[in-house]
Protein backbone atom coordinates (compact mmCIF):
# COMPACT_ATOMS: atom_id res chain seq x y z
CA UNK A 1 86.22 27.01 -49.63
CA UNK A 2 87.80 30.72 -48.02
CA UNK A 3 84.71 31.08 -46.00
CA UNK A 4 84.68 27.42 -44.96
CA UNK A 5 88.27 27.50 -43.95
CA UNK A 6 88.94 31.10 -42.63
CA UNK A 7 87.51 34.30 -43.45
CA UNK A 8 91.05 35.93 -42.29
CA UNK A 9 92.44 37.10 -45.48
CA UNK A 10 95.96 36.88 -46.79
CA UNK A 11 96.47 40.38 -48.08
CA UNK A 12 99.89 39.83 -49.04
CA UNK A 13 101.31 38.33 -52.85
CA UNK A 14 104.36 37.63 -51.13
CA UNK A 15 103.16 36.33 -48.31
CA UNK A 16 100.91 33.99 -50.13
CA UNK A 17 104.13 32.79 -51.79
CA UNK A 18 105.61 32.11 -48.76
CA UNK A 19 103.10 30.34 -46.58
CA UNK A 20 102.50 28.26 -50.03
CA UNK A 21 106.33 27.62 -49.90
CA UNK A 22 106.03 26.68 -45.73
CA UNK A 23 102.97 24.45 -46.96
CA UNK A 24 104.66 22.72 -49.94
CA UNK A 25 107.68 22.31 -47.71
CA UNK A 26 106.45 20.97 -44.40
CA UNK A 27 104.18 18.28 -46.24
CA UNK A 28 107.10 16.96 -48.04
CA UNK A 29 109.71 17.48 -45.53
CA UNK A 30 111.17 14.02 -45.41
CA UNK A 31 111.04 12.89 -49.51
CA UNK A 32 112.23 16.96 -50.11
CA UNK A 33 115.11 15.95 -47.29
CA UNK A 34 115.82 12.86 -49.20
CA UNK A 35 115.95 13.54 -52.56
CA UNK A 36 118.91 17.01 -51.64
CA UNK A 37 120.78 14.63 -49.74
CA UNK A 38 120.85 17.08 -46.31
CA UNK A 39 123.42 15.92 -44.16
CA UNK A 40 121.93 14.69 -40.69
CA UNK A 41 118.37 14.23 -41.51
CA UNK A 42 117.30 13.40 -38.07
CA UNK A 43 118.41 17.36 -36.84
CA UNK A 44 116.48 18.76 -40.18
CA UNK A 45 113.12 16.38 -39.54
CA UNK A 46 112.93 17.78 -35.93
CA UNK A 47 113.49 21.39 -37.43
CA UNK A 48 110.63 20.50 -39.24
CA UNK A 49 108.77 19.58 -36.89
CA UNK A 50 109.41 22.09 -33.65
CA UNK A 51 108.44 24.50 -36.53
CA UNK A 52 105.05 22.85 -36.58
CA UNK A 53 104.75 22.30 -33.17
CA UNK A 54 105.56 26.06 -32.41
CA UNK A 55 103.51 27.31 -35.34
CA UNK A 56 100.51 25.80 -33.32
CA UNK A 57 102.21 26.94 -30.11
CA UNK A 58 102.47 30.59 -31.28
CA UNK A 59 99.23 30.69 -33.12
CA UNK A 60 97.57 29.25 -29.79
CA UNK A 61 99.07 32.11 -27.56
CA UNK A 62 98.27 34.96 -30.25
CA UNK A 63 94.93 34.35 -28.95
CA UNK A 64 95.42 35.83 -25.93
CA UNK A 65 98.46 38.88 -27.01
CA UNK A 66 97.17 39.17 -30.61
CA UNK A 67 93.37 39.37 -29.97
CA UNK A 68 92.84 39.89 -26.58
CA UNK A 69 95.81 42.00 -25.52
CA UNK A 70 95.89 39.26 -22.23
CA UNK A 71 99.45 39.21 -21.68
CA UNK A 72 100.61 35.82 -19.70
CA UNK A 73 104.02 34.54 -19.56
CA UNK A 74 102.81 30.96 -17.98
CA UNK A 75 102.02 29.91 -21.70
CA UNK A 76 104.83 27.07 -21.91
CA UNK A 77 103.08 25.36 -18.56
CA UNK A 78 100.74 24.03 -20.45
CA UNK A 79 103.06 23.16 -23.18
CA UNK A 80 104.44 21.33 -20.63
CA UNK A 81 101.61 20.12 -19.23
CA UNK A 82 100.91 18.08 -22.28
CA UNK A 83 104.46 16.69 -22.43
CA UNK A 84 104.44 15.38 -19.40
CA UNK A 85 100.93 14.33 -19.46
CA UNK A 86 102.43 11.80 -22.12
CA UNK A 87 105.26 11.03 -20.42
CA UNK A 88 103.99 9.88 -17.40
CA UNK A 89 101.26 7.58 -19.04
CA UNK A 90 103.87 5.83 -21.12
CA UNK A 91 106.01 4.82 -18.16
CA UNK A 92 105.00 0.95 -18.00
CA UNK A 93 102.24 1.43 -19.92
CA UNK A 94 102.06 -1.17 -23.36
CA UNK A 95 101.97 0.36 -26.16
CA UNK A 96 98.69 0.69 -28.09
CA UNK A 97 97.19 4.21 -29.24
CA UNK A 98 94.55 4.19 -26.43
CA UNK A 99 97.84 5.82 -24.59
CA UNK A 100 98.17 8.38 -27.47
CA UNK A 101 94.34 9.11 -26.65
CA UNK A 102 94.08 9.27 -23.00
CA UNK A 103 97.28 11.69 -22.99
CA UNK A 104 95.75 14.30 -25.47
CA UNK A 105 91.93 13.95 -23.08
CA UNK A 106 94.37 13.82 -19.90
CA UNK A 107 96.24 17.10 -20.76
CA UNK A 108 93.26 18.91 -22.03
CA UNK A 109 91.47 18.39 -19.32
CA UNK A 110 93.47 19.63 -17.06
CA UNK A 111 95.32 22.30 -18.75
CA UNK A 112 91.33 23.59 -19.00
CA UNK A 113 90.74 23.24 -15.44
CA UNK A 114 94.54 25.37 -14.67
CA UNK A 115 93.41 27.78 -17.23
CA UNK A 116 90.07 28.35 -15.68
CA UNK A 117 92.06 29.43 -11.95
CA UNK A 118 93.59 31.72 -14.28
CA UNK A 119 90.88 33.17 -15.91
CA UNK A 120 89.10 33.76 -12.79
CA UNK A 121 92.14 35.39 -11.82
CA UNK A 122 92.86 37.71 -14.80
CA UNK A 123 89.00 38.67 -14.65
CA UNK A 124 89.87 40.20 -11.16
CA UNK A 125 93.78 41.04 -12.02
CA UNK A 126 94.38 43.15 -15.66
CA UNK A 127 97.13 44.31 -17.22
CA UNK A 128 101.01 44.24 -15.91
CA UNK A 129 99.21 42.78 -12.49
CA UNK A 130 97.72 39.55 -14.20
CA UNK A 131 101.48 39.58 -16.36
CA UNK A 132 103.09 39.36 -12.78
CA UNK A 133 100.65 36.64 -11.49
CA UNK A 134 101.56 34.27 -14.67
CA UNK A 135 105.05 35.19 -14.16
CA UNK A 136 104.85 33.82 -10.58
CA UNK A 137 102.82 30.91 -11.84
CA UNK A 138 105.49 29.77 -14.02
CA UNK A 139 108.36 29.79 -11.69
CA UNK A 140 105.75 27.70 -9.36
CA UNK A 141 105.15 25.08 -11.76
CA UNK A 142 108.74 24.93 -13.06
CA UNK A 143 109.86 24.02 -9.24
CA UNK A 144 107.32 21.82 -8.53
CA UNK A 145 108.22 19.76 -10.83
CA UNK A 146 111.02 19.98 -10.10
CA UNK A 147 110.79 18.80 -7.17
CA UNK A 148 107.96 16.05 -7.69
CA UNK A 149 110.88 14.20 -8.80
CA UNK A 150 109.43 11.12 -7.54
CA UNK A 151 106.38 11.50 -10.54
CA UNK A 152 108.14 13.31 -13.05
CA UNK A 153 111.76 12.81 -12.85
CA UNK A 154 112.98 16.15 -11.41
CA UNK A 155 115.80 18.03 -13.26
CA UNK A 156 116.44 15.04 -15.71
CA UNK A 157 112.53 14.32 -16.85
CA UNK A 158 110.88 11.21 -17.90
CA UNK A 159 112.24 9.25 -21.02
CA UNK A 160 109.56 6.56 -22.81
CA UNK A 161 109.73 4.23 -25.66
CA UNK A 162 108.13 0.95 -24.88
CA UNK A 163 104.21 2.51 -24.59
CA UNK A 164 104.57 4.51 -28.46
CA UNK A 165 102.76 2.56 -30.42
CA UNK A 166 104.95 0.49 -32.96
CA UNK A 167 103.43 2.89 -36.29
CA UNK A 168 104.80 5.44 -34.78
CA UNK A 169 108.50 4.35 -33.95
CA UNK A 170 108.87 2.45 -37.34
CA UNK A 171 111.35 4.19 -39.63
CA UNK A 172 110.32 3.96 -43.78
CA UNK A 173 113.41 3.89 -46.05
CA UNK A 174 112.56 6.68 -48.58
CA UNK A 175 113.97 6.32 -52.51
CA UNK A 176 116.61 3.37 -51.01
CA UNK A 177 118.54 5.75 -48.55
CA UNK A 178 117.60 7.36 -45.22
CA UNK A 179 115.02 6.39 -42.53
CA UNK A 180 112.59 8.58 -41.42
CA UNK A 181 110.06 8.23 -39.22
CA UNK A 182 106.79 9.38 -41.63
CA UNK A 183 104.08 8.46 -39.61
CA UNK A 184 104.64 9.64 -36.42
CA UNK A 185 105.76 12.97 -38.85
CA UNK A 186 102.57 13.19 -40.79
CA UNK A 187 100.34 12.42 -37.66
CA UNK A 188 101.16 15.39 -35.87
CA UNK A 189 101.54 17.25 -38.87
CA UNK A 190 97.70 16.44 -39.63
CA UNK A 191 96.74 17.38 -36.15
CA UNK A 192 98.37 20.77 -36.72
CA UNK A 193 96.97 21.61 -39.92
CA UNK A 194 93.85 20.85 -37.88
CA UNK A 195 94.13 23.03 -34.58
CA UNK A 196 95.32 25.88 -36.97
CA UNK A 197 92.15 25.50 -39.73
CA UNK A 198 90.57 25.50 -36.27
CA UNK A 199 92.09 28.81 -35.00
CA UNK A 200 91.78 30.54 -38.83
CA UNK A 201 87.92 29.45 -38.54
CA UNK A 202 87.94 30.49 -34.23
CA UNK A 203 89.73 34.12 -35.66
CA UNK A 204 87.06 34.83 -38.22
CA UNK A 205 83.92 34.37 -36.44
CA UNK A 206 81.60 36.24 -34.39
CA UNK A 207 83.37 34.60 -31.53
CA UNK A 208 86.79 36.60 -32.67
CA UNK A 209 85.59 39.90 -33.32
CA UNK A 210 84.32 40.28 -29.97
CA UNK A 211 87.78 39.40 -28.84
CA UNK A 212 88.93 41.88 -30.96
CA UNK A 213 86.42 44.45 -29.78
CA UNK A 214 87.50 43.39 -25.94
CA UNK A 215 91.38 43.72 -27.02
CA UNK A 216 90.74 47.66 -28.84
CA UNK A 217 88.00 48.85 -25.60
CA UNK A 218 87.25 46.51 -22.74
CA UNK A 219 84.53 49.26 -21.18
CA UNK A 220 82.55 49.67 -24.30
CA UNK A 221 81.87 45.93 -25.16
CA UNK A 222 80.76 45.70 -22.01
CA UNK A 223 78.74 48.50 -22.69
CA UNK A 224 77.35 47.00 -25.36
CA UNK A 225 75.76 43.93 -24.08
CA UNK A 226 78.69 41.15 -24.33
CA UNK A 227 80.79 39.95 -20.91
CA UNK A 228 84.11 40.81 -21.85
CA UNK A 229 85.74 39.11 -18.67
CA UNK A 230 84.07 35.19 -19.89
CA UNK A 231 85.63 35.68 -24.02
CA UNK A 232 89.06 36.33 -21.76
CA UNK A 233 88.47 33.47 -19.90
CA UNK A 234 86.91 31.15 -23.09
CA UNK A 235 90.15 32.50 -24.70
CA UNK A 236 92.53 31.69 -22.07
CA UNK A 237 91.14 27.79 -21.62
CA UNK A 238 91.20 27.18 -25.41
CA UNK A 239 95.06 28.64 -25.66
CA UNK A 240 96.01 26.81 -23.14
CA UNK A 241 94.09 23.65 -24.50
CA UNK A 242 95.85 24.04 -27.55
CA UNK A 243 99.26 24.66 -25.63
CA UNK A 244 99.03 21.03 -24.36
CA UNK A 245 97.99 19.00 -27.12
CA UNK A 246 101.30 20.79 -29.17
CA UNK A 247 102.94 19.66 -25.93
CA UNK A 248 101.56 16.14 -25.75
CA UNK A 249 102.88 15.89 -29.87
CA UNK A 250 106.68 17.24 -29.39
CA UNK A 251 106.55 15.57 -26.09
CA UNK A 252 105.25 12.02 -28.89
CA UNK A 253 107.96 12.89 -31.04
CA UNK A 254 111.46 13.56 -28.53
CA UNK A 255 110.09 10.69 -26.58
CA UNK A 256 111.36 12.21 -23.66
CA UNK A 257 110.08 15.89 -21.20
CA UNK A 258 112.44 17.45 -19.38
CA UNK A 259 111.94 21.26 -17.68
CA UNK A 260 114.54 22.59 -19.45
CA UNK A 261 112.95 21.54 -22.83
CA UNK A 262 109.17 22.29 -22.26
CA UNK A 263 108.80 24.67 -19.14
CA UNK A 264 112.01 26.68 -19.33
CA UNK A 265 111.64 30.39 -19.69
CA UNK A 266 113.40 30.95 -22.33
CA UNK A 267 110.96 28.78 -24.15
CA UNK A 268 107.58 31.28 -23.28
CA UNK A 269 110.90 33.78 -24.50
CA UNK A 270 110.57 32.24 -27.50
CA UNK A 271 106.83 32.23 -27.97
CA UNK A 272 106.72 35.61 -27.73
CA UNK A 273 109.35 36.49 -29.79
CA UNK A 274 107.71 34.72 -32.21
CA UNK A 275 104.34 36.32 -32.34
CA UNK A 276 106.00 39.53 -32.12
CA UNK A 277 108.36 38.85 -35.02
CA UNK A 278 105.57 37.45 -37.39
CA UNK A 279 103.00 39.32 -36.21
CA UNK A 280 100.98 40.10 -33.42
CA UNK A 281 96.72 39.64 -34.36
CA UNK A 282 97.62 37.20 -37.09
CA UNK A 283 97.46 33.82 -37.44
CA UNK A 284 99.60 33.88 -40.41
CA UNK A 285 102.49 36.01 -38.66
CA UNK A 286 103.09 32.50 -35.97
CA UNK A 287 103.90 30.97 -39.03
CA UNK A 288 106.17 32.92 -40.24
CA UNK A 289 107.84 33.74 -37.50
CA UNK A 290 107.77 30.42 -36.45
CA UNK A 291 109.66 29.13 -39.72
CA UNK A 292 112.33 32.14 -38.98
CA UNK A 293 112.70 31.35 -35.45
CA UNK A 294 113.34 27.97 -35.13
CA UNK A 295 115.82 28.04 -38.37
CA UNK A 296 118.04 30.33 -36.67
CA UNK A 297 117.66 28.60 -33.28
CA UNK A 298 118.72 25.40 -34.94
CA UNK A 299 120.97 26.41 -38.10
CA UNK A 300 122.72 29.35 -37.72
CA UNK A 301 125.54 28.27 -34.90
CA UNK A 302 126.61 26.24 -38.00
CA UNK A 303 126.38 28.53 -40.52
CA UNK A 304 128.60 31.26 -38.60
CA UNK A 305 131.22 27.93 -38.46
CA UNK A 306 131.21 28.08 -41.98
CA UNK A 307 131.55 31.50 -42.00
CA UNK A 308 134.38 31.90 -39.32
CA UNK A 309 136.39 28.96 -40.37
CA UNK A 310 139.12 31.19 -41.97
CA UNK A 311 141.25 33.73 -40.38
CA UNK A 312 138.77 36.52 -40.59
CA UNK A 313 138.56 37.19 -36.96
CA UNK A 314 142.41 37.97 -37.13
CA UNK A 315 142.18 40.34 -40.31
CA UNK A 316 139.06 42.02 -38.86
CA UNK A 317 141.52 42.56 -35.99
CA UNK A 318 144.45 43.86 -37.98
CA UNK A 319 142.05 46.48 -39.78
CA UNK A 320 141.45 48.08 -36.55
CA UNK A 321 144.39 48.08 -34.71
CA UNK A 322 146.98 48.54 -37.35
CA UNK A 323 145.79 52.96 -38.04
CA UNK A 324 146.76 52.97 -34.41
CA UNK A 325 150.18 51.39 -33.70
CA UNK A 326 149.90 51.76 -30.02
CA UNK A 327 147.18 49.25 -29.72
CA UNK A 328 149.26 46.64 -31.02
CA UNK A 329 150.76 46.16 -27.36
CA UNK A 330 147.04 45.78 -26.15
CA UNK A 331 145.25 43.72 -28.78
CA UNK A 332 142.64 42.44 -25.81
CA UNK A 333 141.21 45.61 -25.43
CA UNK A 334 139.37 45.02 -28.74
CA UNK A 335 137.91 41.35 -28.60
CA UNK A 336 137.18 41.47 -32.10
CA UNK A 337 137.48 37.43 -32.32
CA UNK A 338 134.98 37.12 -29.98
CA UNK A 339 132.70 38.70 -32.31
CA UNK A 340 133.11 36.82 -34.78
CA UNK A 341 132.40 33.32 -33.44
CA UNK A 342 130.36 30.47 -33.84
CA UNK A 343 129.61 29.88 -30.13
CA UNK A 344 128.42 33.98 -30.16
CA UNK A 345 124.79 32.83 -32.57
CA UNK A 346 123.10 33.69 -29.19
CA UNK A 347 124.44 37.39 -29.43
CA UNK A 348 123.41 37.39 -33.28
CA UNK A 349 119.81 36.45 -32.95
CA UNK A 350 119.21 38.76 -30.11
CA UNK A 351 120.42 41.51 -33.09
CA UNK A 352 118.20 39.82 -35.19
CA UNK A 353 115.15 40.48 -32.66
CA UNK A 354 116.32 44.23 -32.14
CA UNK A 355 116.22 44.57 -36.08
CA UNK A 356 112.95 43.38 -36.68
CA UNK A 357 111.31 44.99 -33.59
CA UNK A 358 112.45 48.01 -34.31
CA UNK A 359 112.01 48.01 -37.88
CA UNK A 360 108.72 45.91 -38.13
CA UNK A 361 106.39 47.35 -35.54
CA UNK A 362 104.15 45.21 -36.74
CA UNK A 363 105.86 42.01 -37.61
CA UNK A 364 106.58 40.38 -40.84
CA UNK A 365 103.28 40.08 -41.92
CA UNK A 366 102.05 43.15 -40.80
CA UNK A 367 104.91 45.11 -42.23
CA UNK A 368 104.01 42.88 -46.02
CA UNK A 369 100.45 43.94 -45.94
CA UNK A 370 101.01 47.42 -45.02
CA UNK A 371 103.05 47.66 -48.67
CA UNK A 372 100.08 46.09 -50.11
CA UNK A 373 97.87 48.36 -49.29
CA UNK A 374 99.92 50.82 -50.38
CA UNK A 375 100.01 49.81 -53.77
CA UNK A 376 96.17 48.99 -53.66
CA UNK A 377 95.89 53.33 -53.28
CA UNK A 378 98.56 53.68 -56.25
CA UNK A 379 101.10 55.39 -54.01
CA UNK A 380 104.50 53.98 -55.00
CA UNK A 381 106.95 52.12 -52.99
CA UNK A 382 109.65 55.94 -53.57
CA UNK A 383 108.00 57.25 -50.34
CA UNK A 384 108.21 53.98 -47.97
CA UNK A 385 112.03 53.57 -48.59
CA UNK A 386 112.10 57.09 -48.23
CA UNK A 387 110.70 56.72 -45.43
CA UNK A 388 113.02 53.55 -44.48
CA UNK A 389 116.37 55.54 -45.73
CA UNK A 390 115.41 58.78 -43.81
CA UNK A 391 114.80 56.72 -40.01
CA UNK A 392 118.14 55.20 -41.12
CA UNK A 393 119.69 58.46 -41.20
CA UNK A 394 118.29 59.12 -37.91
CA UNK A 395 119.30 56.21 -36.51
CA UNK A 396 122.99 57.35 -37.77
CA UNK A 397 122.78 60.72 -36.81
CA UNK A 398 122.45 59.02 -33.05
CA UNK A 399 125.29 56.47 -33.58
CA UNK A 400 127.24 59.25 -34.63
CA UNK A 401 126.37 61.20 -31.45
CA UNK A 402 127.66 58.41 -29.42
CA UNK A 403 131.09 57.79 -31.87
CA UNK A 404 131.83 61.51 -31.59
CA UNK A 405 131.76 61.27 -27.19
CA UNK A 406 134.10 58.07 -27.53
CA UNK A 407 136.22 59.65 -30.16
CA UNK A 408 136.82 63.34 -28.04
CA UNK A 409 137.41 60.40 -24.48
CA UNK A 410 139.68 58.32 -26.79
CA UNK A 411 141.66 61.65 -28.52
CA UNK A 412 141.78 63.48 -24.62
CA UNK A 413 143.18 60.28 -22.94
CA UNK A 414 145.37 59.21 -25.32
CA UNK A 415 146.79 63.37 -25.49
CA UNK A 416 147.42 62.83 -21.74
CA UNK A 417 148.97 59.62 -21.80
CA UNK A 418 151.50 60.60 -24.42
CA UNK A 419 152.33 63.77 -22.71
CA UNK A 420 152.85 62.26 -19.26
CA UNK A 421 155.23 59.10 -20.75
CA UNK A 422 156.82 61.46 -23.33
CA UNK A 423 160.32 60.11 -22.77
CA UNK A 424 158.94 56.67 -22.73
CA UNK A 425 158.43 54.44 -25.36
CA UNK A 426 155.28 54.63 -26.26
CA UNK A 427 154.59 58.35 -25.58
CA UNK A 428 154.96 59.91 -29.16
CA UNK A 429 153.34 56.78 -30.57
CA UNK A 430 150.33 58.14 -27.94
CA UNK A 431 150.48 61.53 -28.95
CA UNK A 432 150.22 60.91 -32.74
CA UNK A 433 147.30 58.25 -32.84
CA UNK A 434 146.11 61.13 -30.38
CA UNK A 435 145.50 63.78 -33.59
CA UNK A 436 144.56 60.87 -35.70
CA UNK A 437 142.13 59.94 -33.62
CA UNK A 438 141.05 63.95 -33.75
CA UNK A 439 141.01 63.93 -37.59
CA UNK A 440 139.28 61.13 -37.38
CA UNK A 441 136.58 61.94 -35.26
CA UNK A 442 136.24 65.48 -37.81
CA UNK A 443 135.44 63.00 -40.13
CA UNK A 444 132.69 61.84 -38.05
CA UNK A 445 131.45 64.89 -37.70
CA UNK A 446 131.21 66.12 -41.00
CA UNK A 447 129.10 62.78 -42.03
CA UNK A 448 127.43 63.52 -38.66
CA UNK A 449 126.33 67.00 -40.32
CA UNK A 450 125.16 65.37 -43.56
CA UNK A 451 123.13 62.29 -42.03
CA UNK A 452 121.44 64.34 -39.33
CA UNK A 453 119.91 66.82 -42.30
CA UNK A 454 117.70 63.97 -44.17
CA UNK A 455 117.08 62.27 -40.41
CA UNK A 456 116.01 65.03 -38.31
CA UNK A 457 112.51 65.16 -39.43
CA UNK A 458 111.64 61.48 -38.40
CA UNK A 459 113.51 62.11 -34.94
CA UNK A 460 110.66 62.73 -32.44
């Protein structure tokens, strides 16, 4: 069965557990949400659909960036083609399954044609130049959709309800409680599962091995008889067709096609981040990355609202300002309350991205597999954690260098300001605070010295 579906090994027991939990939760999402009494079940179901769709979308993109080393910034264009294909076909159409089937066919063919044109360009234009071409193509497509408002609806997009089959819009009551669009959800789930299994089989086939060879050394791959350009073209076309199918599925759930939801550059960046966080070059990595990123995008602001609904920002402000009484007159200079705010959820997501890329350069899946290989080689994890600790010490060392500079400049500034206003109201406090700042700087430098000894061998 493993050889029939996929030859790619999971390679890590924790990863297998994560994948199993994800499969079980997504498979029984409507029933699990109802049993747990989840508030705002419509929002939870939309998040589940987003996870499913972005798994497929990111996995198709991983065929390019992870397996073939093709960096494209127009993958969201094919996602939008699928959405607009369904929306345009549904305008004024009678309800029927033929509309869905026609949308799949048209989106796939149109995406294949455009991807073929991109592939011809990609054969002749390589590396960063191809990336710039795709970036220009993405902006051109967005401008085209907005300007062609007679067909696409412009910036407002297209909405549709009438053309959808009644089975996909029907809501079913579960356990005598909430109502869910079960049939639409499981259609999306089954199609996405089939596509995921196809991609798993594809990357483990001889075709996938050639893609890996092209990624590692395109010139040597051509020297042994493989036409690397054609393999890259096929990968681009396959990725585009799968992305367009994902667009049809998601548009069928939200029943709207707008540029901000399908064609925005933020969608492209989200796909890229999912692949990088999960681990490029692994279909399983896109599953883990999609779950983490989609949940953060949907629920982080709510959790921050619960966390920061007390007077925590004000208390934090007092803790930072109390040691330096003069700062009480300039509390706006340290806008702590603006950072500890639910509306700053994007800031925390950005910090998570930076942390994950810095500490998990192979992605989460790559790091889990690396730990598993260490276990298989009978190497204890103590060395692994010592390495993490040493890298943390090296980073702390750099932070202390910056902190020392800031503290030194602050102490000098406060000293001169205090001497200038020595006869004023706050002059003596400024001089006193500058002395405290200097003492704090000495203490920080002593910590820096102990950290630098641990982190010196990790700095390069």
